[in-house]
Amino acid sequence: MRATWDRIEAWLSANAPRVLESLQPGATDEAIKLAESVLGVQFPAAFKESYAIHDGQVEEAPGLINGCELLSLERIVDEWSIWGELIAEGEFTGLQSQSDGPVSHEWWNTKWVPITYDGTGNHHCVDLDPAEGGELGQMIVMMHDDPYRPVIAPNFADWLEAFAEDLETGIYVYDEEDGGVVHRRDLLADEDELDSDTD
């Protein structure tokens, strides 16, 4: 994890210093264990190693992961708790999610650990309750208004390493107006839309 974060930090230093400054110091072992206790899960080793390096970002900073905030442990607990409250209120009764991968079909599963937030209720999650054939700790995307739950990486370490590689190969760029570090494709789409509006 340290080598992966070195790559991410080097790119941020050269291209997005405001995002680099938003990364928090590492969480203590006690803070990690407390978050595990509240969520009732055991975090994967790579996840714990990563959060011992950086405990997410400060709030209201430019996003690190395609415009999304990388959540601190405190913010993970906050977002997870909100979903738990909605379950308790019966908000998802009768609703099921869908996936072309080995993901359980609840709308929200309490063993999904939200680690990013886009400001509108959508997350990248560590899946600690995969369906048959899935990998414990696989990475999925959870959209609050879309039933589709794709598997985007087999584990947290591979997901973060792929992000580092995408930074280095130019797939992501920094655009403060568009939310921070964003996919170049999305930025170009926004520019094309703006051009068409002004024609």
N, C-alpha and C. Protein backbone atom coordinates (compact mmCIF):
# COMPACT_ATOMS: atom_id res chain seq x y z
N MET A 1 0.81 -1.20 0.00
CA MET A 1 0.00 0.00 0.00
C MET A 1 0.86 1.27 0.00
N ARG A 2 1.97 1.22 0.70
CA ARG A 2 2.84 2.40 0.73
C ARG A 2 3.33 2.75 -0.67
N ALA A 3 3.72 1.74 -1.44
CA ALA A 3 4.21 2.00 -2.79
C ALA A 3 3.11 2.59 -3.67
N THR A 4 1.89 2.09 -3.51
CA THR A 4 0.77 2.61 -4.29
C THR A 4 0.49 4.06 -3.91
N TRP A 5 0.49 4.34 -2.62
CA TRP A 5 0.25 5.72 -2.18
C TRP A 5 1.38 6.64 -2.61
N ASP A 6 2.61 6.16 -2.65
CA ASP A 6 3.71 6.99 -3.15
C ASP A 6 3.43 7.44 -4.58
N ARG A 7 2.91 6.55 -5.41
CA ARG A 7 2.59 6.89 -6.79
C ARG A 7 1.46 7.93 -6.86
N ILE A 8 0.42 7.70 -6.06
CA ILE A 8 -0.71 8.64 -6.03
C ILE A 8 -0.25 10.01 -5.54
N GLU A 9 0.54 10.03 -4.47
CA GLU A 9 1.00 11.29 -3.91
C GLU A 9 1.90 12.04 -4.89
N ALA A 10 2.73 11.31 -5.62
CA ALA A 10 3.62 11.96 -6.60
C ALA A 10 2.79 12.63 -7.69
N TRP A 11 1.76 11.95 -8.17
CA TRP A 11 0.90 12.55 -9.21
C TRP A 11 0.16 13.76 -8.66
N LEU A 12 -0.37 13.63 -7.46
CA LEU A 12 -1.10 14.75 -6.86
C LEU A 12 -0.18 15.94 -6.63
N SER A 13 1.04 15.70 -6.19
CA SER A 13 1.99 16.78 -5.96
C SER A 13 2.23 17.57 -7.24
N ALA A 14 2.31 16.88 -8.36
CA ALA A 14 2.59 17.53 -9.64
C ALA A 14 1.35 18.13 -10.29
N ASN A 15 0.17 17.54 -10.01
CA ASN A 15 -1.02 17.91 -10.77
C ASN A 15 -2.19 18.46 -9.95
N ALA A 16 -2.25 18.10 -8.67
CA ALA A 16 -3.41 18.47 -7.86
C ALA A 16 -2.98 18.66 -6.40
N PRO A 17 -2.15 19.68 -6.13
CA PRO A 17 -1.64 19.84 -4.76
C PRO A 17 -2.73 20.08 -3.72
N ARG A 18 -3.86 20.69 -4.13
CA ARG A 18 -4.95 20.90 -3.17
C ARG A 18 -5.53 19.57 -2.69
N VAL A 19 -5.60 18.61 -3.59
CA VAL A 19 -6.10 17.28 -3.20
C VAL A 19 -5.08 16.59 -2.31
N LEU A 20 -3.81 16.71 -2.64
CA LEU A 20 -2.78 16.12 -1.79
C LEU A 20 -2.87 16.68 -0.37
N GLU A 21 -3.06 17.99 -0.26
CA GLU A 21 -3.15 18.62 1.06
C GLU A 21 -4.38 18.16 1.84
N SER A 22 -5.41 17.68 1.12
CA SER A 22 -6.65 17.25 1.79
C SER A 22 -6.55 15.87 2.40
N LEU A 23 -5.51 15.12 2.06
CA LEU A 23 -5.36 13.77 2.60
C LEU A 23 -4.98 13.85 4.08
N GLN A 24 -5.70 13.12 4.89
CA GLN A 24 -5.46 13.16 6.33
C GLN A 24 -4.33 12.21 6.72
N PRO A 25 -3.71 12.44 7.87
CA PRO A 25 -2.72 11.48 8.38
C PRO A 25 -3.39 10.13 8.62
N GLY A 26 -2.57 9.13 8.79
CA GLY A 26 -3.09 7.79 8.99
C GLY A 26 -3.88 7.63 10.28
N ALA A 27 -4.84 6.72 10.25
CA ALA A 27 -5.64 6.39 11.43
C ALA A 27 -4.83 5.50 12.36
N THR A 28 -5.12 5.58 13.64
CA THR A 28 -4.49 4.70 14.62
C THR A 28 -5.12 3.31 14.56
N ASP A 29 -4.42 2.34 15.12
CA ASP A 29 -4.98 0.99 15.22
C ASP A 29 -6.28 1.01 16.01
N GLU A 30 -6.32 1.85 17.04
CA GLU A 30 -7.52 1.94 17.88
C GLU A 30 -8.71 2.47 17.08
N ALA A 31 -8.47 3.48 16.25
CA ALA A 31 -9.55 4.05 15.44
C ALA A 31 -10.06 3.03 14.42
N ILE A 32 -9.16 2.27 13.83
CA ILE A 32 -9.56 1.25 12.87
C ILE A 32 -10.40 0.17 13.55
N LYS A 33 -9.94 -0.27 14.73
CA LYS A 33 -10.68 -1.30 15.47
C LYS A 33 -12.06 -0.79 15.90
N LEU A 34 -12.14 0.48 16.27
CA LEU A 34 -13.43 1.06 16.66
C LEU A 34 -14.40 1.07 15.48
N ALA A 35 -13.91 1.47 14.32
CA ALA A 35 -14.77 1.47 13.12
C ALA A 35 -15.24 0.06 12.79
N GLU A 36 -14.34 -0.91 12.90
CA GLU A 36 -14.73 -2.31 12.67
C GLU A 36 -15.82 -2.73 13.64
N SER A 37 -15.68 -2.33 14.89
CA SER A 37 -16.65 -2.71 15.92
C SER A 37 -18.02 -2.10 15.63
N VAL A 38 -18.04 -0.83 15.25
CA VAL A 38 -19.31 -0.17 14.96
C VAL A 38 -20.00 -0.81 13.76
N LEU A 39 -19.24 -1.12 12.72
CA LEU A 39 -19.81 -1.70 11.50
C LEU A 39 -20.05 -3.20 11.63
N GLY A 40 -19.43 -3.82 12.61
CA GLY A 40 -19.57 -5.26 12.78
C GLY A 40 -18.88 -6.06 11.70
N VAL A 41 -17.71 -5.57 11.27
CA VAL A 41 -16.97 -6.23 10.18
C VAL A 41 -15.49 -6.32 10.56
N GLN A 42 -14.77 -7.08 9.75
CA GLN A 42 -13.31 -7.10 9.82
C GLN A 42 -12.81 -6.56 8.49
N PHE A 43 -12.11 -5.43 8.51
CA PHE A 43 -11.60 -4.85 7.28
C PHE A 43 -10.50 -5.73 6.69
N PRO A 44 -10.39 -5.79 5.37
CA PRO A 44 -9.27 -6.51 4.75
C PRO A 44 -7.93 -5.88 5.15
N ALA A 45 -6.89 -6.68 5.12
CA ALA A 45 -5.57 -6.22 5.56
C ALA A 45 -5.10 -5.01 4.75
N ALA A 46 -5.29 -5.04 3.44
CA ALA A 46 -4.84 -3.93 2.59
C ALA A 46 -5.59 -2.65 2.91
N PHE A 47 -6.87 -2.78 3.22
CA PHE A 47 -7.68 -1.62 3.60
C PHE A 47 -7.11 -0.99 4.87
N LYS A 48 -6.83 -1.82 5.86
CA LYS A 48 -6.29 -1.31 7.13
C LYS A 48 -4.92 -0.67 6.92
N GLU A 49 -4.11 -1.29 6.07
CA GLU A 49 -2.79 -0.74 5.78
C GLU A 49 -2.91 0.63 5.11
N SER A 50 -3.86 0.74 4.19
CA SER A 50 -4.06 2.00 3.49
C SER A 50 -4.53 3.09 4.44
N TYR A 51 -5.49 2.75 5.31
CA TYR A 51 -6.02 3.76 6.22
C TYR A 51 -5.03 4.12 7.33
N ALA A 52 -4.04 3.28 7.54
CA ALA A 52 -2.96 3.64 8.47
C ALA A 52 -2.01 4.65 7.82
N ILE A 53 -2.09 4.78 6.49
CA ILE A 53 -1.29 5.78 5.76
C ILE A 53 -2.08 7.08 5.62
N HIS A 54 -3.31 6.98 5.14
CA HIS A 54 -4.18 8.14 5.00
C HIS A 54 -5.60 7.77 5.45
N ASP A 55 -6.09 8.48 6.43
CA ASP A 55 -7.47 8.27 6.90
C ASP A 55 -8.41 9.14 6.05
N GLY A 56 -8.46 8.83 4.76
CA GLY A 56 -9.34 9.55 3.85
C GLY A 56 -8.95 11.00 3.68
N GLN A 57 -9.93 11.81 3.29
CA GLN A 57 -9.73 13.24 3.07
C GLN A 57 -10.49 14.06 4.11
N VAL A 58 -10.09 15.32 4.26
CA VAL A 58 -10.91 16.25 5.01
C VAL A 58 -12.18 16.52 4.20
N GLU A 59 -13.24 16.87 4.88
CA GLU A 59 -14.51 17.13 4.20
C GLU A 59 -14.45 18.40 3.36
N GLU A 60 -15.27 18.42 2.31
CA GLU A 60 -15.44 19.57 1.43
C GLU A 60 -14.16 19.94 0.68
N ALA A 61 -13.28 18.97 0.49
CA ALA A 61 -12.09 19.16 -0.34
C ALA A 61 -12.40 18.69 -1.76
N PRO A 62 -11.61 19.12 -2.75
CA PRO A 62 -11.79 18.57 -4.09
C PRO A 62 -11.66 17.05 -4.05
N GLY A 63 -12.51 16.36 -4.78
CA GLY A 63 -12.55 14.90 -4.71
C GLY A 63 -11.29 14.24 -5.23
N LEU A 64 -10.96 13.12 -4.65
CA LEU A 64 -9.80 12.34 -5.10
C LEU A 64 -10.18 11.28 -6.11
N ILE A 65 -11.29 10.58 -5.89
CA ILE A 65 -11.65 9.43 -6.73
C ILE A 65 -12.74 9.85 -7.70
N ASN A 66 -12.35 10.29 -8.88
CA ASN A 66 -13.30 10.74 -9.90
C ASN A 66 -14.34 11.71 -9.33
N GLY A 67 -13.84 12.73 -8.66
CA GLY A 67 -14.71 13.75 -8.10
C GLY A 67 -15.33 13.39 -6.76
N CYS A 68 -15.07 12.19 -6.27
CA CYS A 68 -15.67 11.73 -5.01
C CYS A 68 -14.68 11.90 -3.86
N GLU A 69 -15.24 12.21 -2.70
CA GLU A 69 -14.47 12.27 -1.46
C GLU A 69 -14.03 10.87 -1.07
N LEU A 70 -12.76 10.71 -0.73
CA LEU A 70 -12.30 9.47 -0.11
C LEU A 70 -12.61 9.60 1.37
N LEU A 71 -13.52 8.78 1.85
CA LEU A 71 -14.07 8.95 3.19
C LEU A 71 -13.06 8.58 4.28
N SER A 72 -13.04 9.39 5.33
CA SER A 72 -12.32 9.02 6.54
C SER A 72 -13.10 7.92 7.26
N LEU A 73 -12.49 7.29 8.23
CA LEU A 73 -13.20 6.27 9.00
C LEU A 73 -14.45 6.86 9.66
N GLU A 74 -14.33 8.08 10.17
CA GLU A 74 -15.50 8.73 10.79
C GLU A 74 -16.62 8.92 9.79
N ARG A 75 -16.26 9.35 8.59
CA ARG A 75 -17.27 9.57 7.55
C ARG A 75 -17.83 8.24 7.03
N ILE A 76 -17.01 7.20 7.00
CA ILE A 76 -17.51 5.87 6.63
C ILE A 76 -18.62 5.46 7.59
N VAL A 77 -18.36 5.61 8.87
CA VAL A 77 -19.37 5.26 9.88
C VAL A 77 -20.62 6.11 9.70
N ASP A 78 -20.45 7.40 9.42
CA ASP A 78 -21.60 8.29 9.21
C ASP A 78 -22.48 7.81 8.06
N GLU A 79 -21.83 7.57 6.90
CA GLU A 79 -22.60 7.19 5.71
C GLU A 79 -23.24 5.81 5.90
N TRP A 80 -22.49 4.88 6.47
CA TRP A 80 -23.02 3.53 6.74
C TRP A 80 -24.21 3.61 7.68
N SER A 81 -24.14 4.47 8.66
CA SER A 81 -25.23 4.62 9.63
C SER A 81 -26.49 5.17 8.97
N ILE A 82 -26.32 6.10 8.05
CA ILE A 82 -27.48 6.65 7.34
C ILE A 82 -28.22 5.55 6.59
N TRP A 83 -27.46 4.69 5.91
CA TRP A 83 -28.10 3.59 5.18
C TRP A 83 -28.79 2.63 6.14
N GLY A 84 -28.16 2.38 7.29
CA GLY A 84 -28.80 1.51 8.28
C GLY A 84 -30.10 2.08 8.79
N GLU A 85 -30.15 3.39 8.98
CA GLU A 85 -31.38 4.04 9.43
C GLU A 85 -32.48 3.90 8.38
N LEU A 86 -32.11 4.03 7.12
CA LEU A 86 -33.10 3.89 6.04
C LEU A 86 -33.66 2.47 5.98
N ILE A 87 -32.78 1.48 6.22
CA ILE A 87 -33.25 0.10 6.29
C ILE A 87 -34.25 -0.06 7.42
N ALA A 88 -33.90 0.47 8.59
CA ALA A 88 -34.78 0.35 9.77
C ALA A 88 -36.13 1.02 9.53
N GLU A 89 -36.15 2.07 8.73
CA GLU A 89 -37.39 2.78 8.43
C GLU A 89 -38.20 2.11 7.32
N GLY A 90 -37.66 1.03 6.76
CA GLY A 90 -38.37 0.30 5.72
C GLY A 90 -38.31 0.93 4.35
N GLU A 91 -37.33 1.79 4.13
CA GLU A 91 -37.25 2.51 2.85
C GLU A 91 -37.02 1.58 1.66
N PHE A 92 -36.39 0.42 1.88
CA PHE A 92 -36.02 -0.45 0.77
C PHE A 92 -36.85 -1.73 0.73
N THR A 93 -37.94 -1.76 1.48
CA THR A 93 -38.80 -2.95 1.49
C THR A 93 -39.28 -3.25 0.08
N GLY A 94 -39.04 -4.48 -0.36
CA GLY A 94 -39.47 -4.90 -1.68
C GLY A 94 -38.52 -4.53 -2.80
N LEU A 95 -37.45 -3.79 -2.50
CA LEU A 95 -36.49 -3.39 -3.53
C LEU A 95 -35.32 -4.35 -3.56
N GLN A 96 -34.83 -4.64 -4.75
CA GLN A 96 -33.65 -5.47 -4.91
C GLN A 96 -32.68 -4.80 -5.87
N SER A 97 -31.41 -5.06 -5.66
CA SER A 97 -30.40 -4.57 -6.59
C SER A 97 -30.10 -5.65 -7.63
N GLN A 98 -29.33 -5.28 -8.63
CA GLN A 98 -28.98 -6.19 -9.72
C GLN A 98 -27.48 -6.10 -9.96
N SER A 99 -26.93 -7.16 -10.50
CA SER A 99 -25.51 -7.14 -10.85
C SER A 99 -25.23 -8.26 -11.84
N ASP A 100 -24.27 -8.04 -12.70
CA ASP A 100 -23.80 -9.13 -13.56
C ASP A 100 -22.61 -9.84 -12.92
N GLY A 101 -22.33 -9.49 -11.64
CA GLY A 101 -21.28 -10.15 -10.88
C GLY A 101 -21.84 -10.77 -9.62
N PRO A 102 -20.99 -11.40 -8.82
CA PRO A 102 -21.45 -12.09 -7.62
C PRO A 102 -21.69 -11.13 -6.45
N VAL A 103 -22.80 -10.39 -6.53
CA VAL A 103 -23.15 -9.39 -5.52
C VAL A 103 -24.53 -9.74 -4.98
N SER A 104 -24.71 -9.64 -3.66
CA SER A 104 -26.01 -9.93 -3.07
C SER A 104 -27.05 -8.92 -3.57
N HIS A 105 -28.33 -9.31 -3.53
CA HIS A 105 -29.37 -8.53 -4.20
C HIS A 105 -30.14 -7.58 -3.30
N GLU A 106 -29.67 -7.34 -2.07
CA GLU A 106 -30.30 -6.30 -1.27
C GLU A 106 -30.07 -4.94 -1.92
N TRP A 107 -30.98 -4.00 -1.67
CA TRP A 107 -30.73 -2.64 -2.15
C TRP A 107 -29.50 -2.07 -1.43
N TRP A 108 -29.44 -2.32 -0.12
CA TRP A 108 -28.25 -1.96 0.66
C TRP A 108 -27.96 -3.10 1.62
N ASN A 109 -26.69 -3.47 1.71
CA ASN A 109 -26.25 -4.55 2.58
C ASN A 109 -25.36 -3.94 3.67
N THR A 110 -25.62 -4.26 4.91
CA THR A 110 -24.85 -3.66 6.01
C THR A 110 -23.40 -4.11 6.04
N LYS A 111 -23.05 -5.09 5.21
CA LYS A 111 -21.65 -5.52 5.09
C LYS A 111 -20.95 -4.83 3.93
N TRP A 112 -21.62 -3.86 3.29
CA TRP A 112 -20.96 -3.02 2.31
C TRP A 112 -20.37 -1.82 3.05
N VAL A 113 -19.09 -1.57 2.84
CA VAL A 113 -18.40 -0.48 3.53
C VAL A 113 -18.20 0.67 2.54
N PRO A 114 -18.93 1.77 2.68
CA PRO A 114 -18.79 2.88 1.73
C PRO A 114 -17.48 3.63 1.96
N ILE A 115 -16.66 3.75 0.93
CA ILE A 115 -15.36 4.42 1.14
C ILE A 115 -15.22 5.68 0.31
N THR A 116 -16.18 5.95 -0.59
CA THR A 116 -16.19 7.23 -1.28
C THR A 116 -17.60 7.81 -1.19
N TYR A 117 -17.70 9.10 -1.50
CA TYR A 117 -19.00 9.77 -1.49
C TYR A 117 -18.97 10.88 -2.53
N ASP A 118 -20.00 10.92 -3.37
CA ASP A 118 -20.04 11.92 -4.44
C ASP A 118 -20.91 13.12 -4.12
N GLY A 119 -21.47 13.16 -2.91
CA GLY A 119 -22.31 14.28 -2.51
C GLY A 119 -23.78 14.05 -2.76
N THR A 120 -24.14 12.97 -3.46
CA THR A 120 -25.55 12.72 -3.78
C THR A 120 -26.01 11.33 -3.36
N GLY A 121 -25.22 10.63 -2.53
CA GLY A 121 -25.66 9.33 -2.02
C GLY A 121 -25.10 8.14 -2.74
N ASN A 122 -24.04 8.33 -3.52
CA ASN A 122 -23.44 7.22 -4.28
C ASN A 122 -22.04 6.91 -3.73
N HIS A 123 -21.66 5.64 -3.81
CA HIS A 123 -20.42 5.21 -3.16
C HIS A 123 -19.69 4.13 -3.96
N HIS A 124 -18.37 4.09 -3.81
CA HIS A 124 -17.60 2.87 -4.01
C HIS A 124 -17.60 2.15 -2.67
N CYS A 125 -17.80 0.84 -2.70
CA CYS A 125 -17.91 0.08 -1.44
C CYS A 125 -16.99 -1.13 -1.45
N VAL A 126 -16.47 -1.46 -0.27
CA VAL A 126 -15.82 -2.74 -0.05
C VAL A 126 -16.92 -3.72 0.33
N ASP A 127 -17.08 -4.78 -0.45
CA ASP A 127 -18.15 -5.75 -0.25
C ASP A 127 -17.66 -6.90 0.63
N LEU A 128 -18.14 -6.92 1.87
CA LEU A 128 -17.73 -7.95 2.82
C LEU A 128 -18.79 -9.03 2.99
N ASP A 129 -19.74 -9.07 2.05
CA ASP A 129 -20.75 -10.13 2.04
C ASP A 129 -21.08 -10.49 0.60
N PRO A 130 -20.09 -10.97 -0.16
CA PRO A 130 -20.33 -11.25 -1.57
C PRO A 130 -21.26 -12.45 -1.77
N ALA A 131 -21.90 -12.48 -2.93
CA ALA A 131 -22.70 -13.64 -3.29
C ALA A 131 -21.77 -14.80 -3.64
N GLU A 132 -22.37 -15.97 -3.83
CA GLU A 132 -21.58 -17.17 -4.16
C GLU A 132 -20.72 -16.91 -5.39
N GLY A 133 -19.45 -17.25 -5.28
CA GLY A 133 -18.51 -17.04 -6.37
C GLY A 133 -17.77 -15.72 -6.29
N GLY A 134 -18.18 -14.84 -5.37
CA GLY A 134 -17.52 -13.56 -5.22
C GLY A 134 -16.33 -13.65 -4.28
N GLU A 135 -15.56 -12.57 -4.22
CA GLU A 135 -14.40 -12.51 -3.35
C GLU A 135 -14.68 -11.59 -2.18
N LEU A 136 -14.40 -12.04 -0.98
CA LEU A 136 -14.55 -11.20 0.19
C LEU A 136 -13.66 -9.97 0.04
N GLY A 137 -14.27 -8.79 0.11
CA GLY A 137 -13.51 -7.56 -0.06
C GLY A 137 -13.52 -7.03 -1.48
N GLN A 138 -14.30 -7.66 -2.37
CA GLN A 138 -14.38 -7.13 -3.74
C GLN A 138 -14.95 -5.72 -3.71
N MET A 139 -14.60 -4.93 -4.73
CA MET A 139 -15.04 -3.54 -4.80
C MET A 139 -16.25 -3.44 -5.72
N ILE A 140 -17.29 -2.75 -5.24
CA ILE A 140 -18.50 -2.55 -6.02
C ILE A 140 -18.86 -1.07 -6.02
N VAL A 141 -19.75 -0.70 -6.95
CA VAL A 141 -20.31 0.65 -6.98
C VAL A 141 -21.76 0.58 -6.56
N MET A 142 -22.16 1.47 -5.66
CA MET A 142 -23.54 1.54 -5.18
C MET A 142 -24.11 2.91 -5.51
N MET A 143 -25.12 2.93 -6.37
CA MET A 143 -25.81 4.17 -6.74
C MET A 143 -27.15 4.21 -6.02
N HIS A 144 -27.47 5.34 -5.41
CA HIS A 144 -28.67 5.40 -4.57
C HIS A 144 -29.96 5.29 -5.36
N ASP A 145 -29.92 5.65 -6.66
CA ASP A 145 -31.14 5.66 -7.47
C ASP A 145 -31.07 4.70 -8.65
N ASP A 146 -30.13 3.76 -8.61
CA ASP A 146 -29.95 2.80 -9.70
C ASP A 146 -29.72 1.43 -9.07
N PRO A 147 -30.44 0.40 -9.49
CA PRO A 147 -30.30 -0.91 -8.85
C PRO A 147 -29.01 -1.66 -9.22
N TYR A 148 -28.27 -1.18 -10.22
CA TYR A 148 -27.12 -1.93 -10.71
C TYR A 148 -25.93 -1.78 -9.75
N ARG A 149 -25.34 -2.91 -9.37
CA ARG A 149 -24.20 -2.95 -8.46
C ARG A 149 -23.04 -3.71 -9.12
N PRO A 150 -22.26 -3.05 -9.96
CA PRO A 150 -21.17 -3.76 -10.64
C PRO A 150 -19.98 -4.03 -9.73
N VAL A 151 -19.31 -5.14 -9.99
CA VAL A 151 -18.01 -5.41 -9.37
C VAL A 151 -16.96 -4.74 -10.22
N ILE A 152 -16.15 -3.86 -9.62
CA ILE A 152 -15.18 -3.09 -10.40
C ILE A 152 -13.73 -3.50 -10.12
N ALA A 153 -13.51 -4.30 -9.09
CA ALA A 153 -12.17 -4.80 -8.79
C ALA A 153 -12.30 -5.98 -7.84
N PRO A 154 -11.37 -6.93 -7.89
CA PRO A 154 -11.47 -8.10 -7.01
C PRO A 154 -11.17 -7.79 -5.55
N ASN A 155 -10.49 -6.67 -5.29
CA ASN A 155 -10.16 -6.32 -3.91
C ASN A 155 -9.73 -4.86 -3.83
N PHE A 156 -9.61 -4.36 -2.61
CA PHE A 156 -9.25 -2.95 -2.40
C PHE A 156 -7.86 -2.63 -2.94
N ALA A 157 -6.89 -3.51 -2.71
CA ALA A 157 -5.52 -3.24 -3.15
C ALA A 157 -5.44 -3.09 -4.66
N ASP A 158 -6.10 -3.99 -5.40
CA ASP A 158 -6.09 -3.91 -6.85
C ASP A 158 -6.80 -2.65 -7.33
N TRP A 159 -7.89 -2.28 -6.66
CA TRP A 159 -8.64 -1.08 -7.03
C TRP A 159 -7.78 0.17 -6.89
N LEU A 160 -7.09 0.29 -5.76
CA LEU A 160 -6.28 1.49 -5.53
C LEU A 160 -5.06 1.51 -6.46
N GLU A 161 -4.48 0.35 -6.72
CA GLU A 161 -3.34 0.29 -7.64
C GLU A 161 -3.77 0.66 -9.05
N ALA A 162 -4.95 0.21 -9.46
CA ALA A 162 -5.46 0.56 -10.79
C ALA A 162 -5.69 2.07 -10.89
N PHE A 163 -6.15 2.67 -9.80
CA PHE A 163 -6.34 4.12 -9.79
C PHE A 163 -5.02 4.84 -9.96
N ALA A 164 -3.98 4.37 -9.26
CA ALA A 164 -2.65 4.97 -9.39
C ALA A 164 -2.16 4.89 -10.84
N GLU A 165 -2.36 3.73 -11.45
CA GLU A 165 -1.93 3.56 -12.84
C GLU A 165 -2.72 4.47 -13.78
N ASP A 166 -4.02 4.61 -13.53
CA ASP A 166 -4.85 5.49 -14.37
C ASP A 166 -4.41 6.95 -14.24
N LEU A 167 -3.99 7.35 -13.04
CA LEU A 167 -3.45 8.71 -12.88
C LEU A 167 -2.21 8.89 -13.75
N GLU A 168 -1.31 7.93 -13.67
CA GLU A 168 -0.03 8.05 -14.36
C GLU A 168 -0.17 8.00 -15.88
N THR A 169 -1.19 7.33 -16.37
CA THR A 169 -1.37 7.20 -17.82
C THR A 169 -2.30 8.25 -18.40
N GLY A 170 -2.73 9.20 -17.57
CA GLY A 170 -3.50 10.33 -18.09
C GLY A 170 -4.99 10.11 -18.20
N ILE A 171 -5.49 9.04 -17.64
CA ILE A 171 -6.93 8.80 -17.70
C ILE A 171 -7.68 9.80 -16.82
N TYR A 172 -7.03 10.23 -15.73
CA TYR A 172 -7.63 11.23 -14.85
C TYR A 172 -6.87 12.55 -14.97
N VAL A 173 -7.62 13.64 -14.78
CA VAL A 173 -7.04 14.97 -14.78
C VAL A 173 -7.62 15.74 -13.59
N TYR A 174 -6.98 16.84 -13.25
CA TYR A 174 -7.50 17.68 -12.17
C TYR A 174 -8.29 18.83 -12.76
N ASP A 175 -9.50 18.98 -12.28
CA ASP A 175 -10.34 20.11 -12.67
C ASP A 175 -11.15 20.54 -11.47
N GLU A 176 -10.75 21.66 -10.88
CA GLU A 176 -11.37 22.09 -9.62
C GLU A 176 -12.86 22.37 -9.80
N GLU A 177 -13.24 22.95 -10.93
CA GLU A 177 -14.64 23.27 -11.17
C GLU A 177 -15.49 22.02 -11.29
N ASP A 178 -14.90 20.93 -11.75
CA ASP A 178 -15.64 19.70 -11.97
C ASP A 178 -15.52 18.73 -10.79
N GLY A 179 -14.94 19.19 -9.70
CA GLY A 179 -14.96 18.37 -8.49
C GLY A 179 -13.64 17.78 -8.05
N GLY A 180 -12.53 18.14 -8.70
CA GLY A 180 -11.24 17.62 -8.29
C GLY A 180 -10.62 16.72 -9.34
N VAL A 181 -10.17 15.55 -8.94
CA VAL A 181 -9.58 14.59 -9.87
C VAL A 181 -10.73 13.84 -10.56
N VAL A 182 -10.83 14.03 -11.87
CA VAL A 182 -11.97 13.48 -12.62
C VAL A 182 -11.48 12.73 -13.85
N HIS A 183 -12.32 11.84 -14.33
CA HIS A 183 -12.00 11.08 -15.54
C HIS A 183 -11.96 12.02 -16.73
N ARG A 184 -10.92 11.92 -17.53
CA ARG A 184 -10.76 12.80 -18.68
C ARG A 184 -11.98 12.71 -19.61
N ARG A 185 -12.54 11.52 -19.75
CA ARG A 185 -13.71 11.33 -20.62
C ARG A 185 -14.88 12.19 -20.14
N ASP A 186 -15.10 12.21 -18.82
CA ASP A 186 -16.21 12.99 -18.30
C ASP A 186 -15.98 14.48 -18.49
N LEU A 187 -14.74 14.91 -18.34
CA LEU A 187 -14.42 16.32 -18.53
C LEU A 187 -14.64 16.73 -19.98
N LEU A 188 -14.21 15.88 -20.91
CA LEU A 188 -14.40 16.18 -22.33
C LEU A 188 -15.87 16.20 -22.69
N ALA A 189 -16.65 15.30 -22.08
CA ALA A 189 -18.10 15.28 -22.32
C ALA A 189 -18.74 16.58 -21.86
N ASP A 190 -18.30 17.08 -20.70
CA ASP A 190 -18.82 18.34 -20.18
C ASP A 190 -18.47 19.49 -21.12
N GLU A 191 -17.24 19.47 -21.66
CA GLU A 191 -16.82 20.53 -22.56
C GLU A 191 -17.61 20.48 -23.86
N ASP A 192 -17.87 19.27 -24.38
CA ASP A 192 -18.66 19.13 -25.59
C ASP A 192 -20.08 19.64 -25.37
N GLU A 193 -20.64 19.35 -24.20
CA GLU A 193 -21.99 19.82 -23.89
C GLU A 193 -22.03 21.34 -23.81
N LEU A 194 -20.98 21.93 -23.22
CA LEU A 194 -20.91 23.38 -23.13
C LEU A 194 -20.79 24.00 -24.51
N ASP A 195 -19.99 23.38 -25.38
CA ASP A 195 -19.84 23.88 -26.75
C ASP A 195 -21.16 23.84 -27.50
N SER A 196 -21.90 22.74 -27.33
CA SER A 196 -23.18 22.61 -28.04
C SER A 196 -24.19 23.63 -27.52
N ASP A 197 -24.11 23.96 -26.24
CA ASP A 197 -25.02 24.96 -25.68
C ASP A 197 -24.75 26.35 -26.20
N THR A 198 -23.50 26.61 -26.59
CA THR A 198 -23.14 27.95 -27.04
C THR A 198 -23.22 28.11 -28.55
N ASP A 199 -23.47 27.00 -29.27
CA ASP A 199 -23.58 27.07 -30.73
C ASP A 199 -24.87 27.79 -31.15
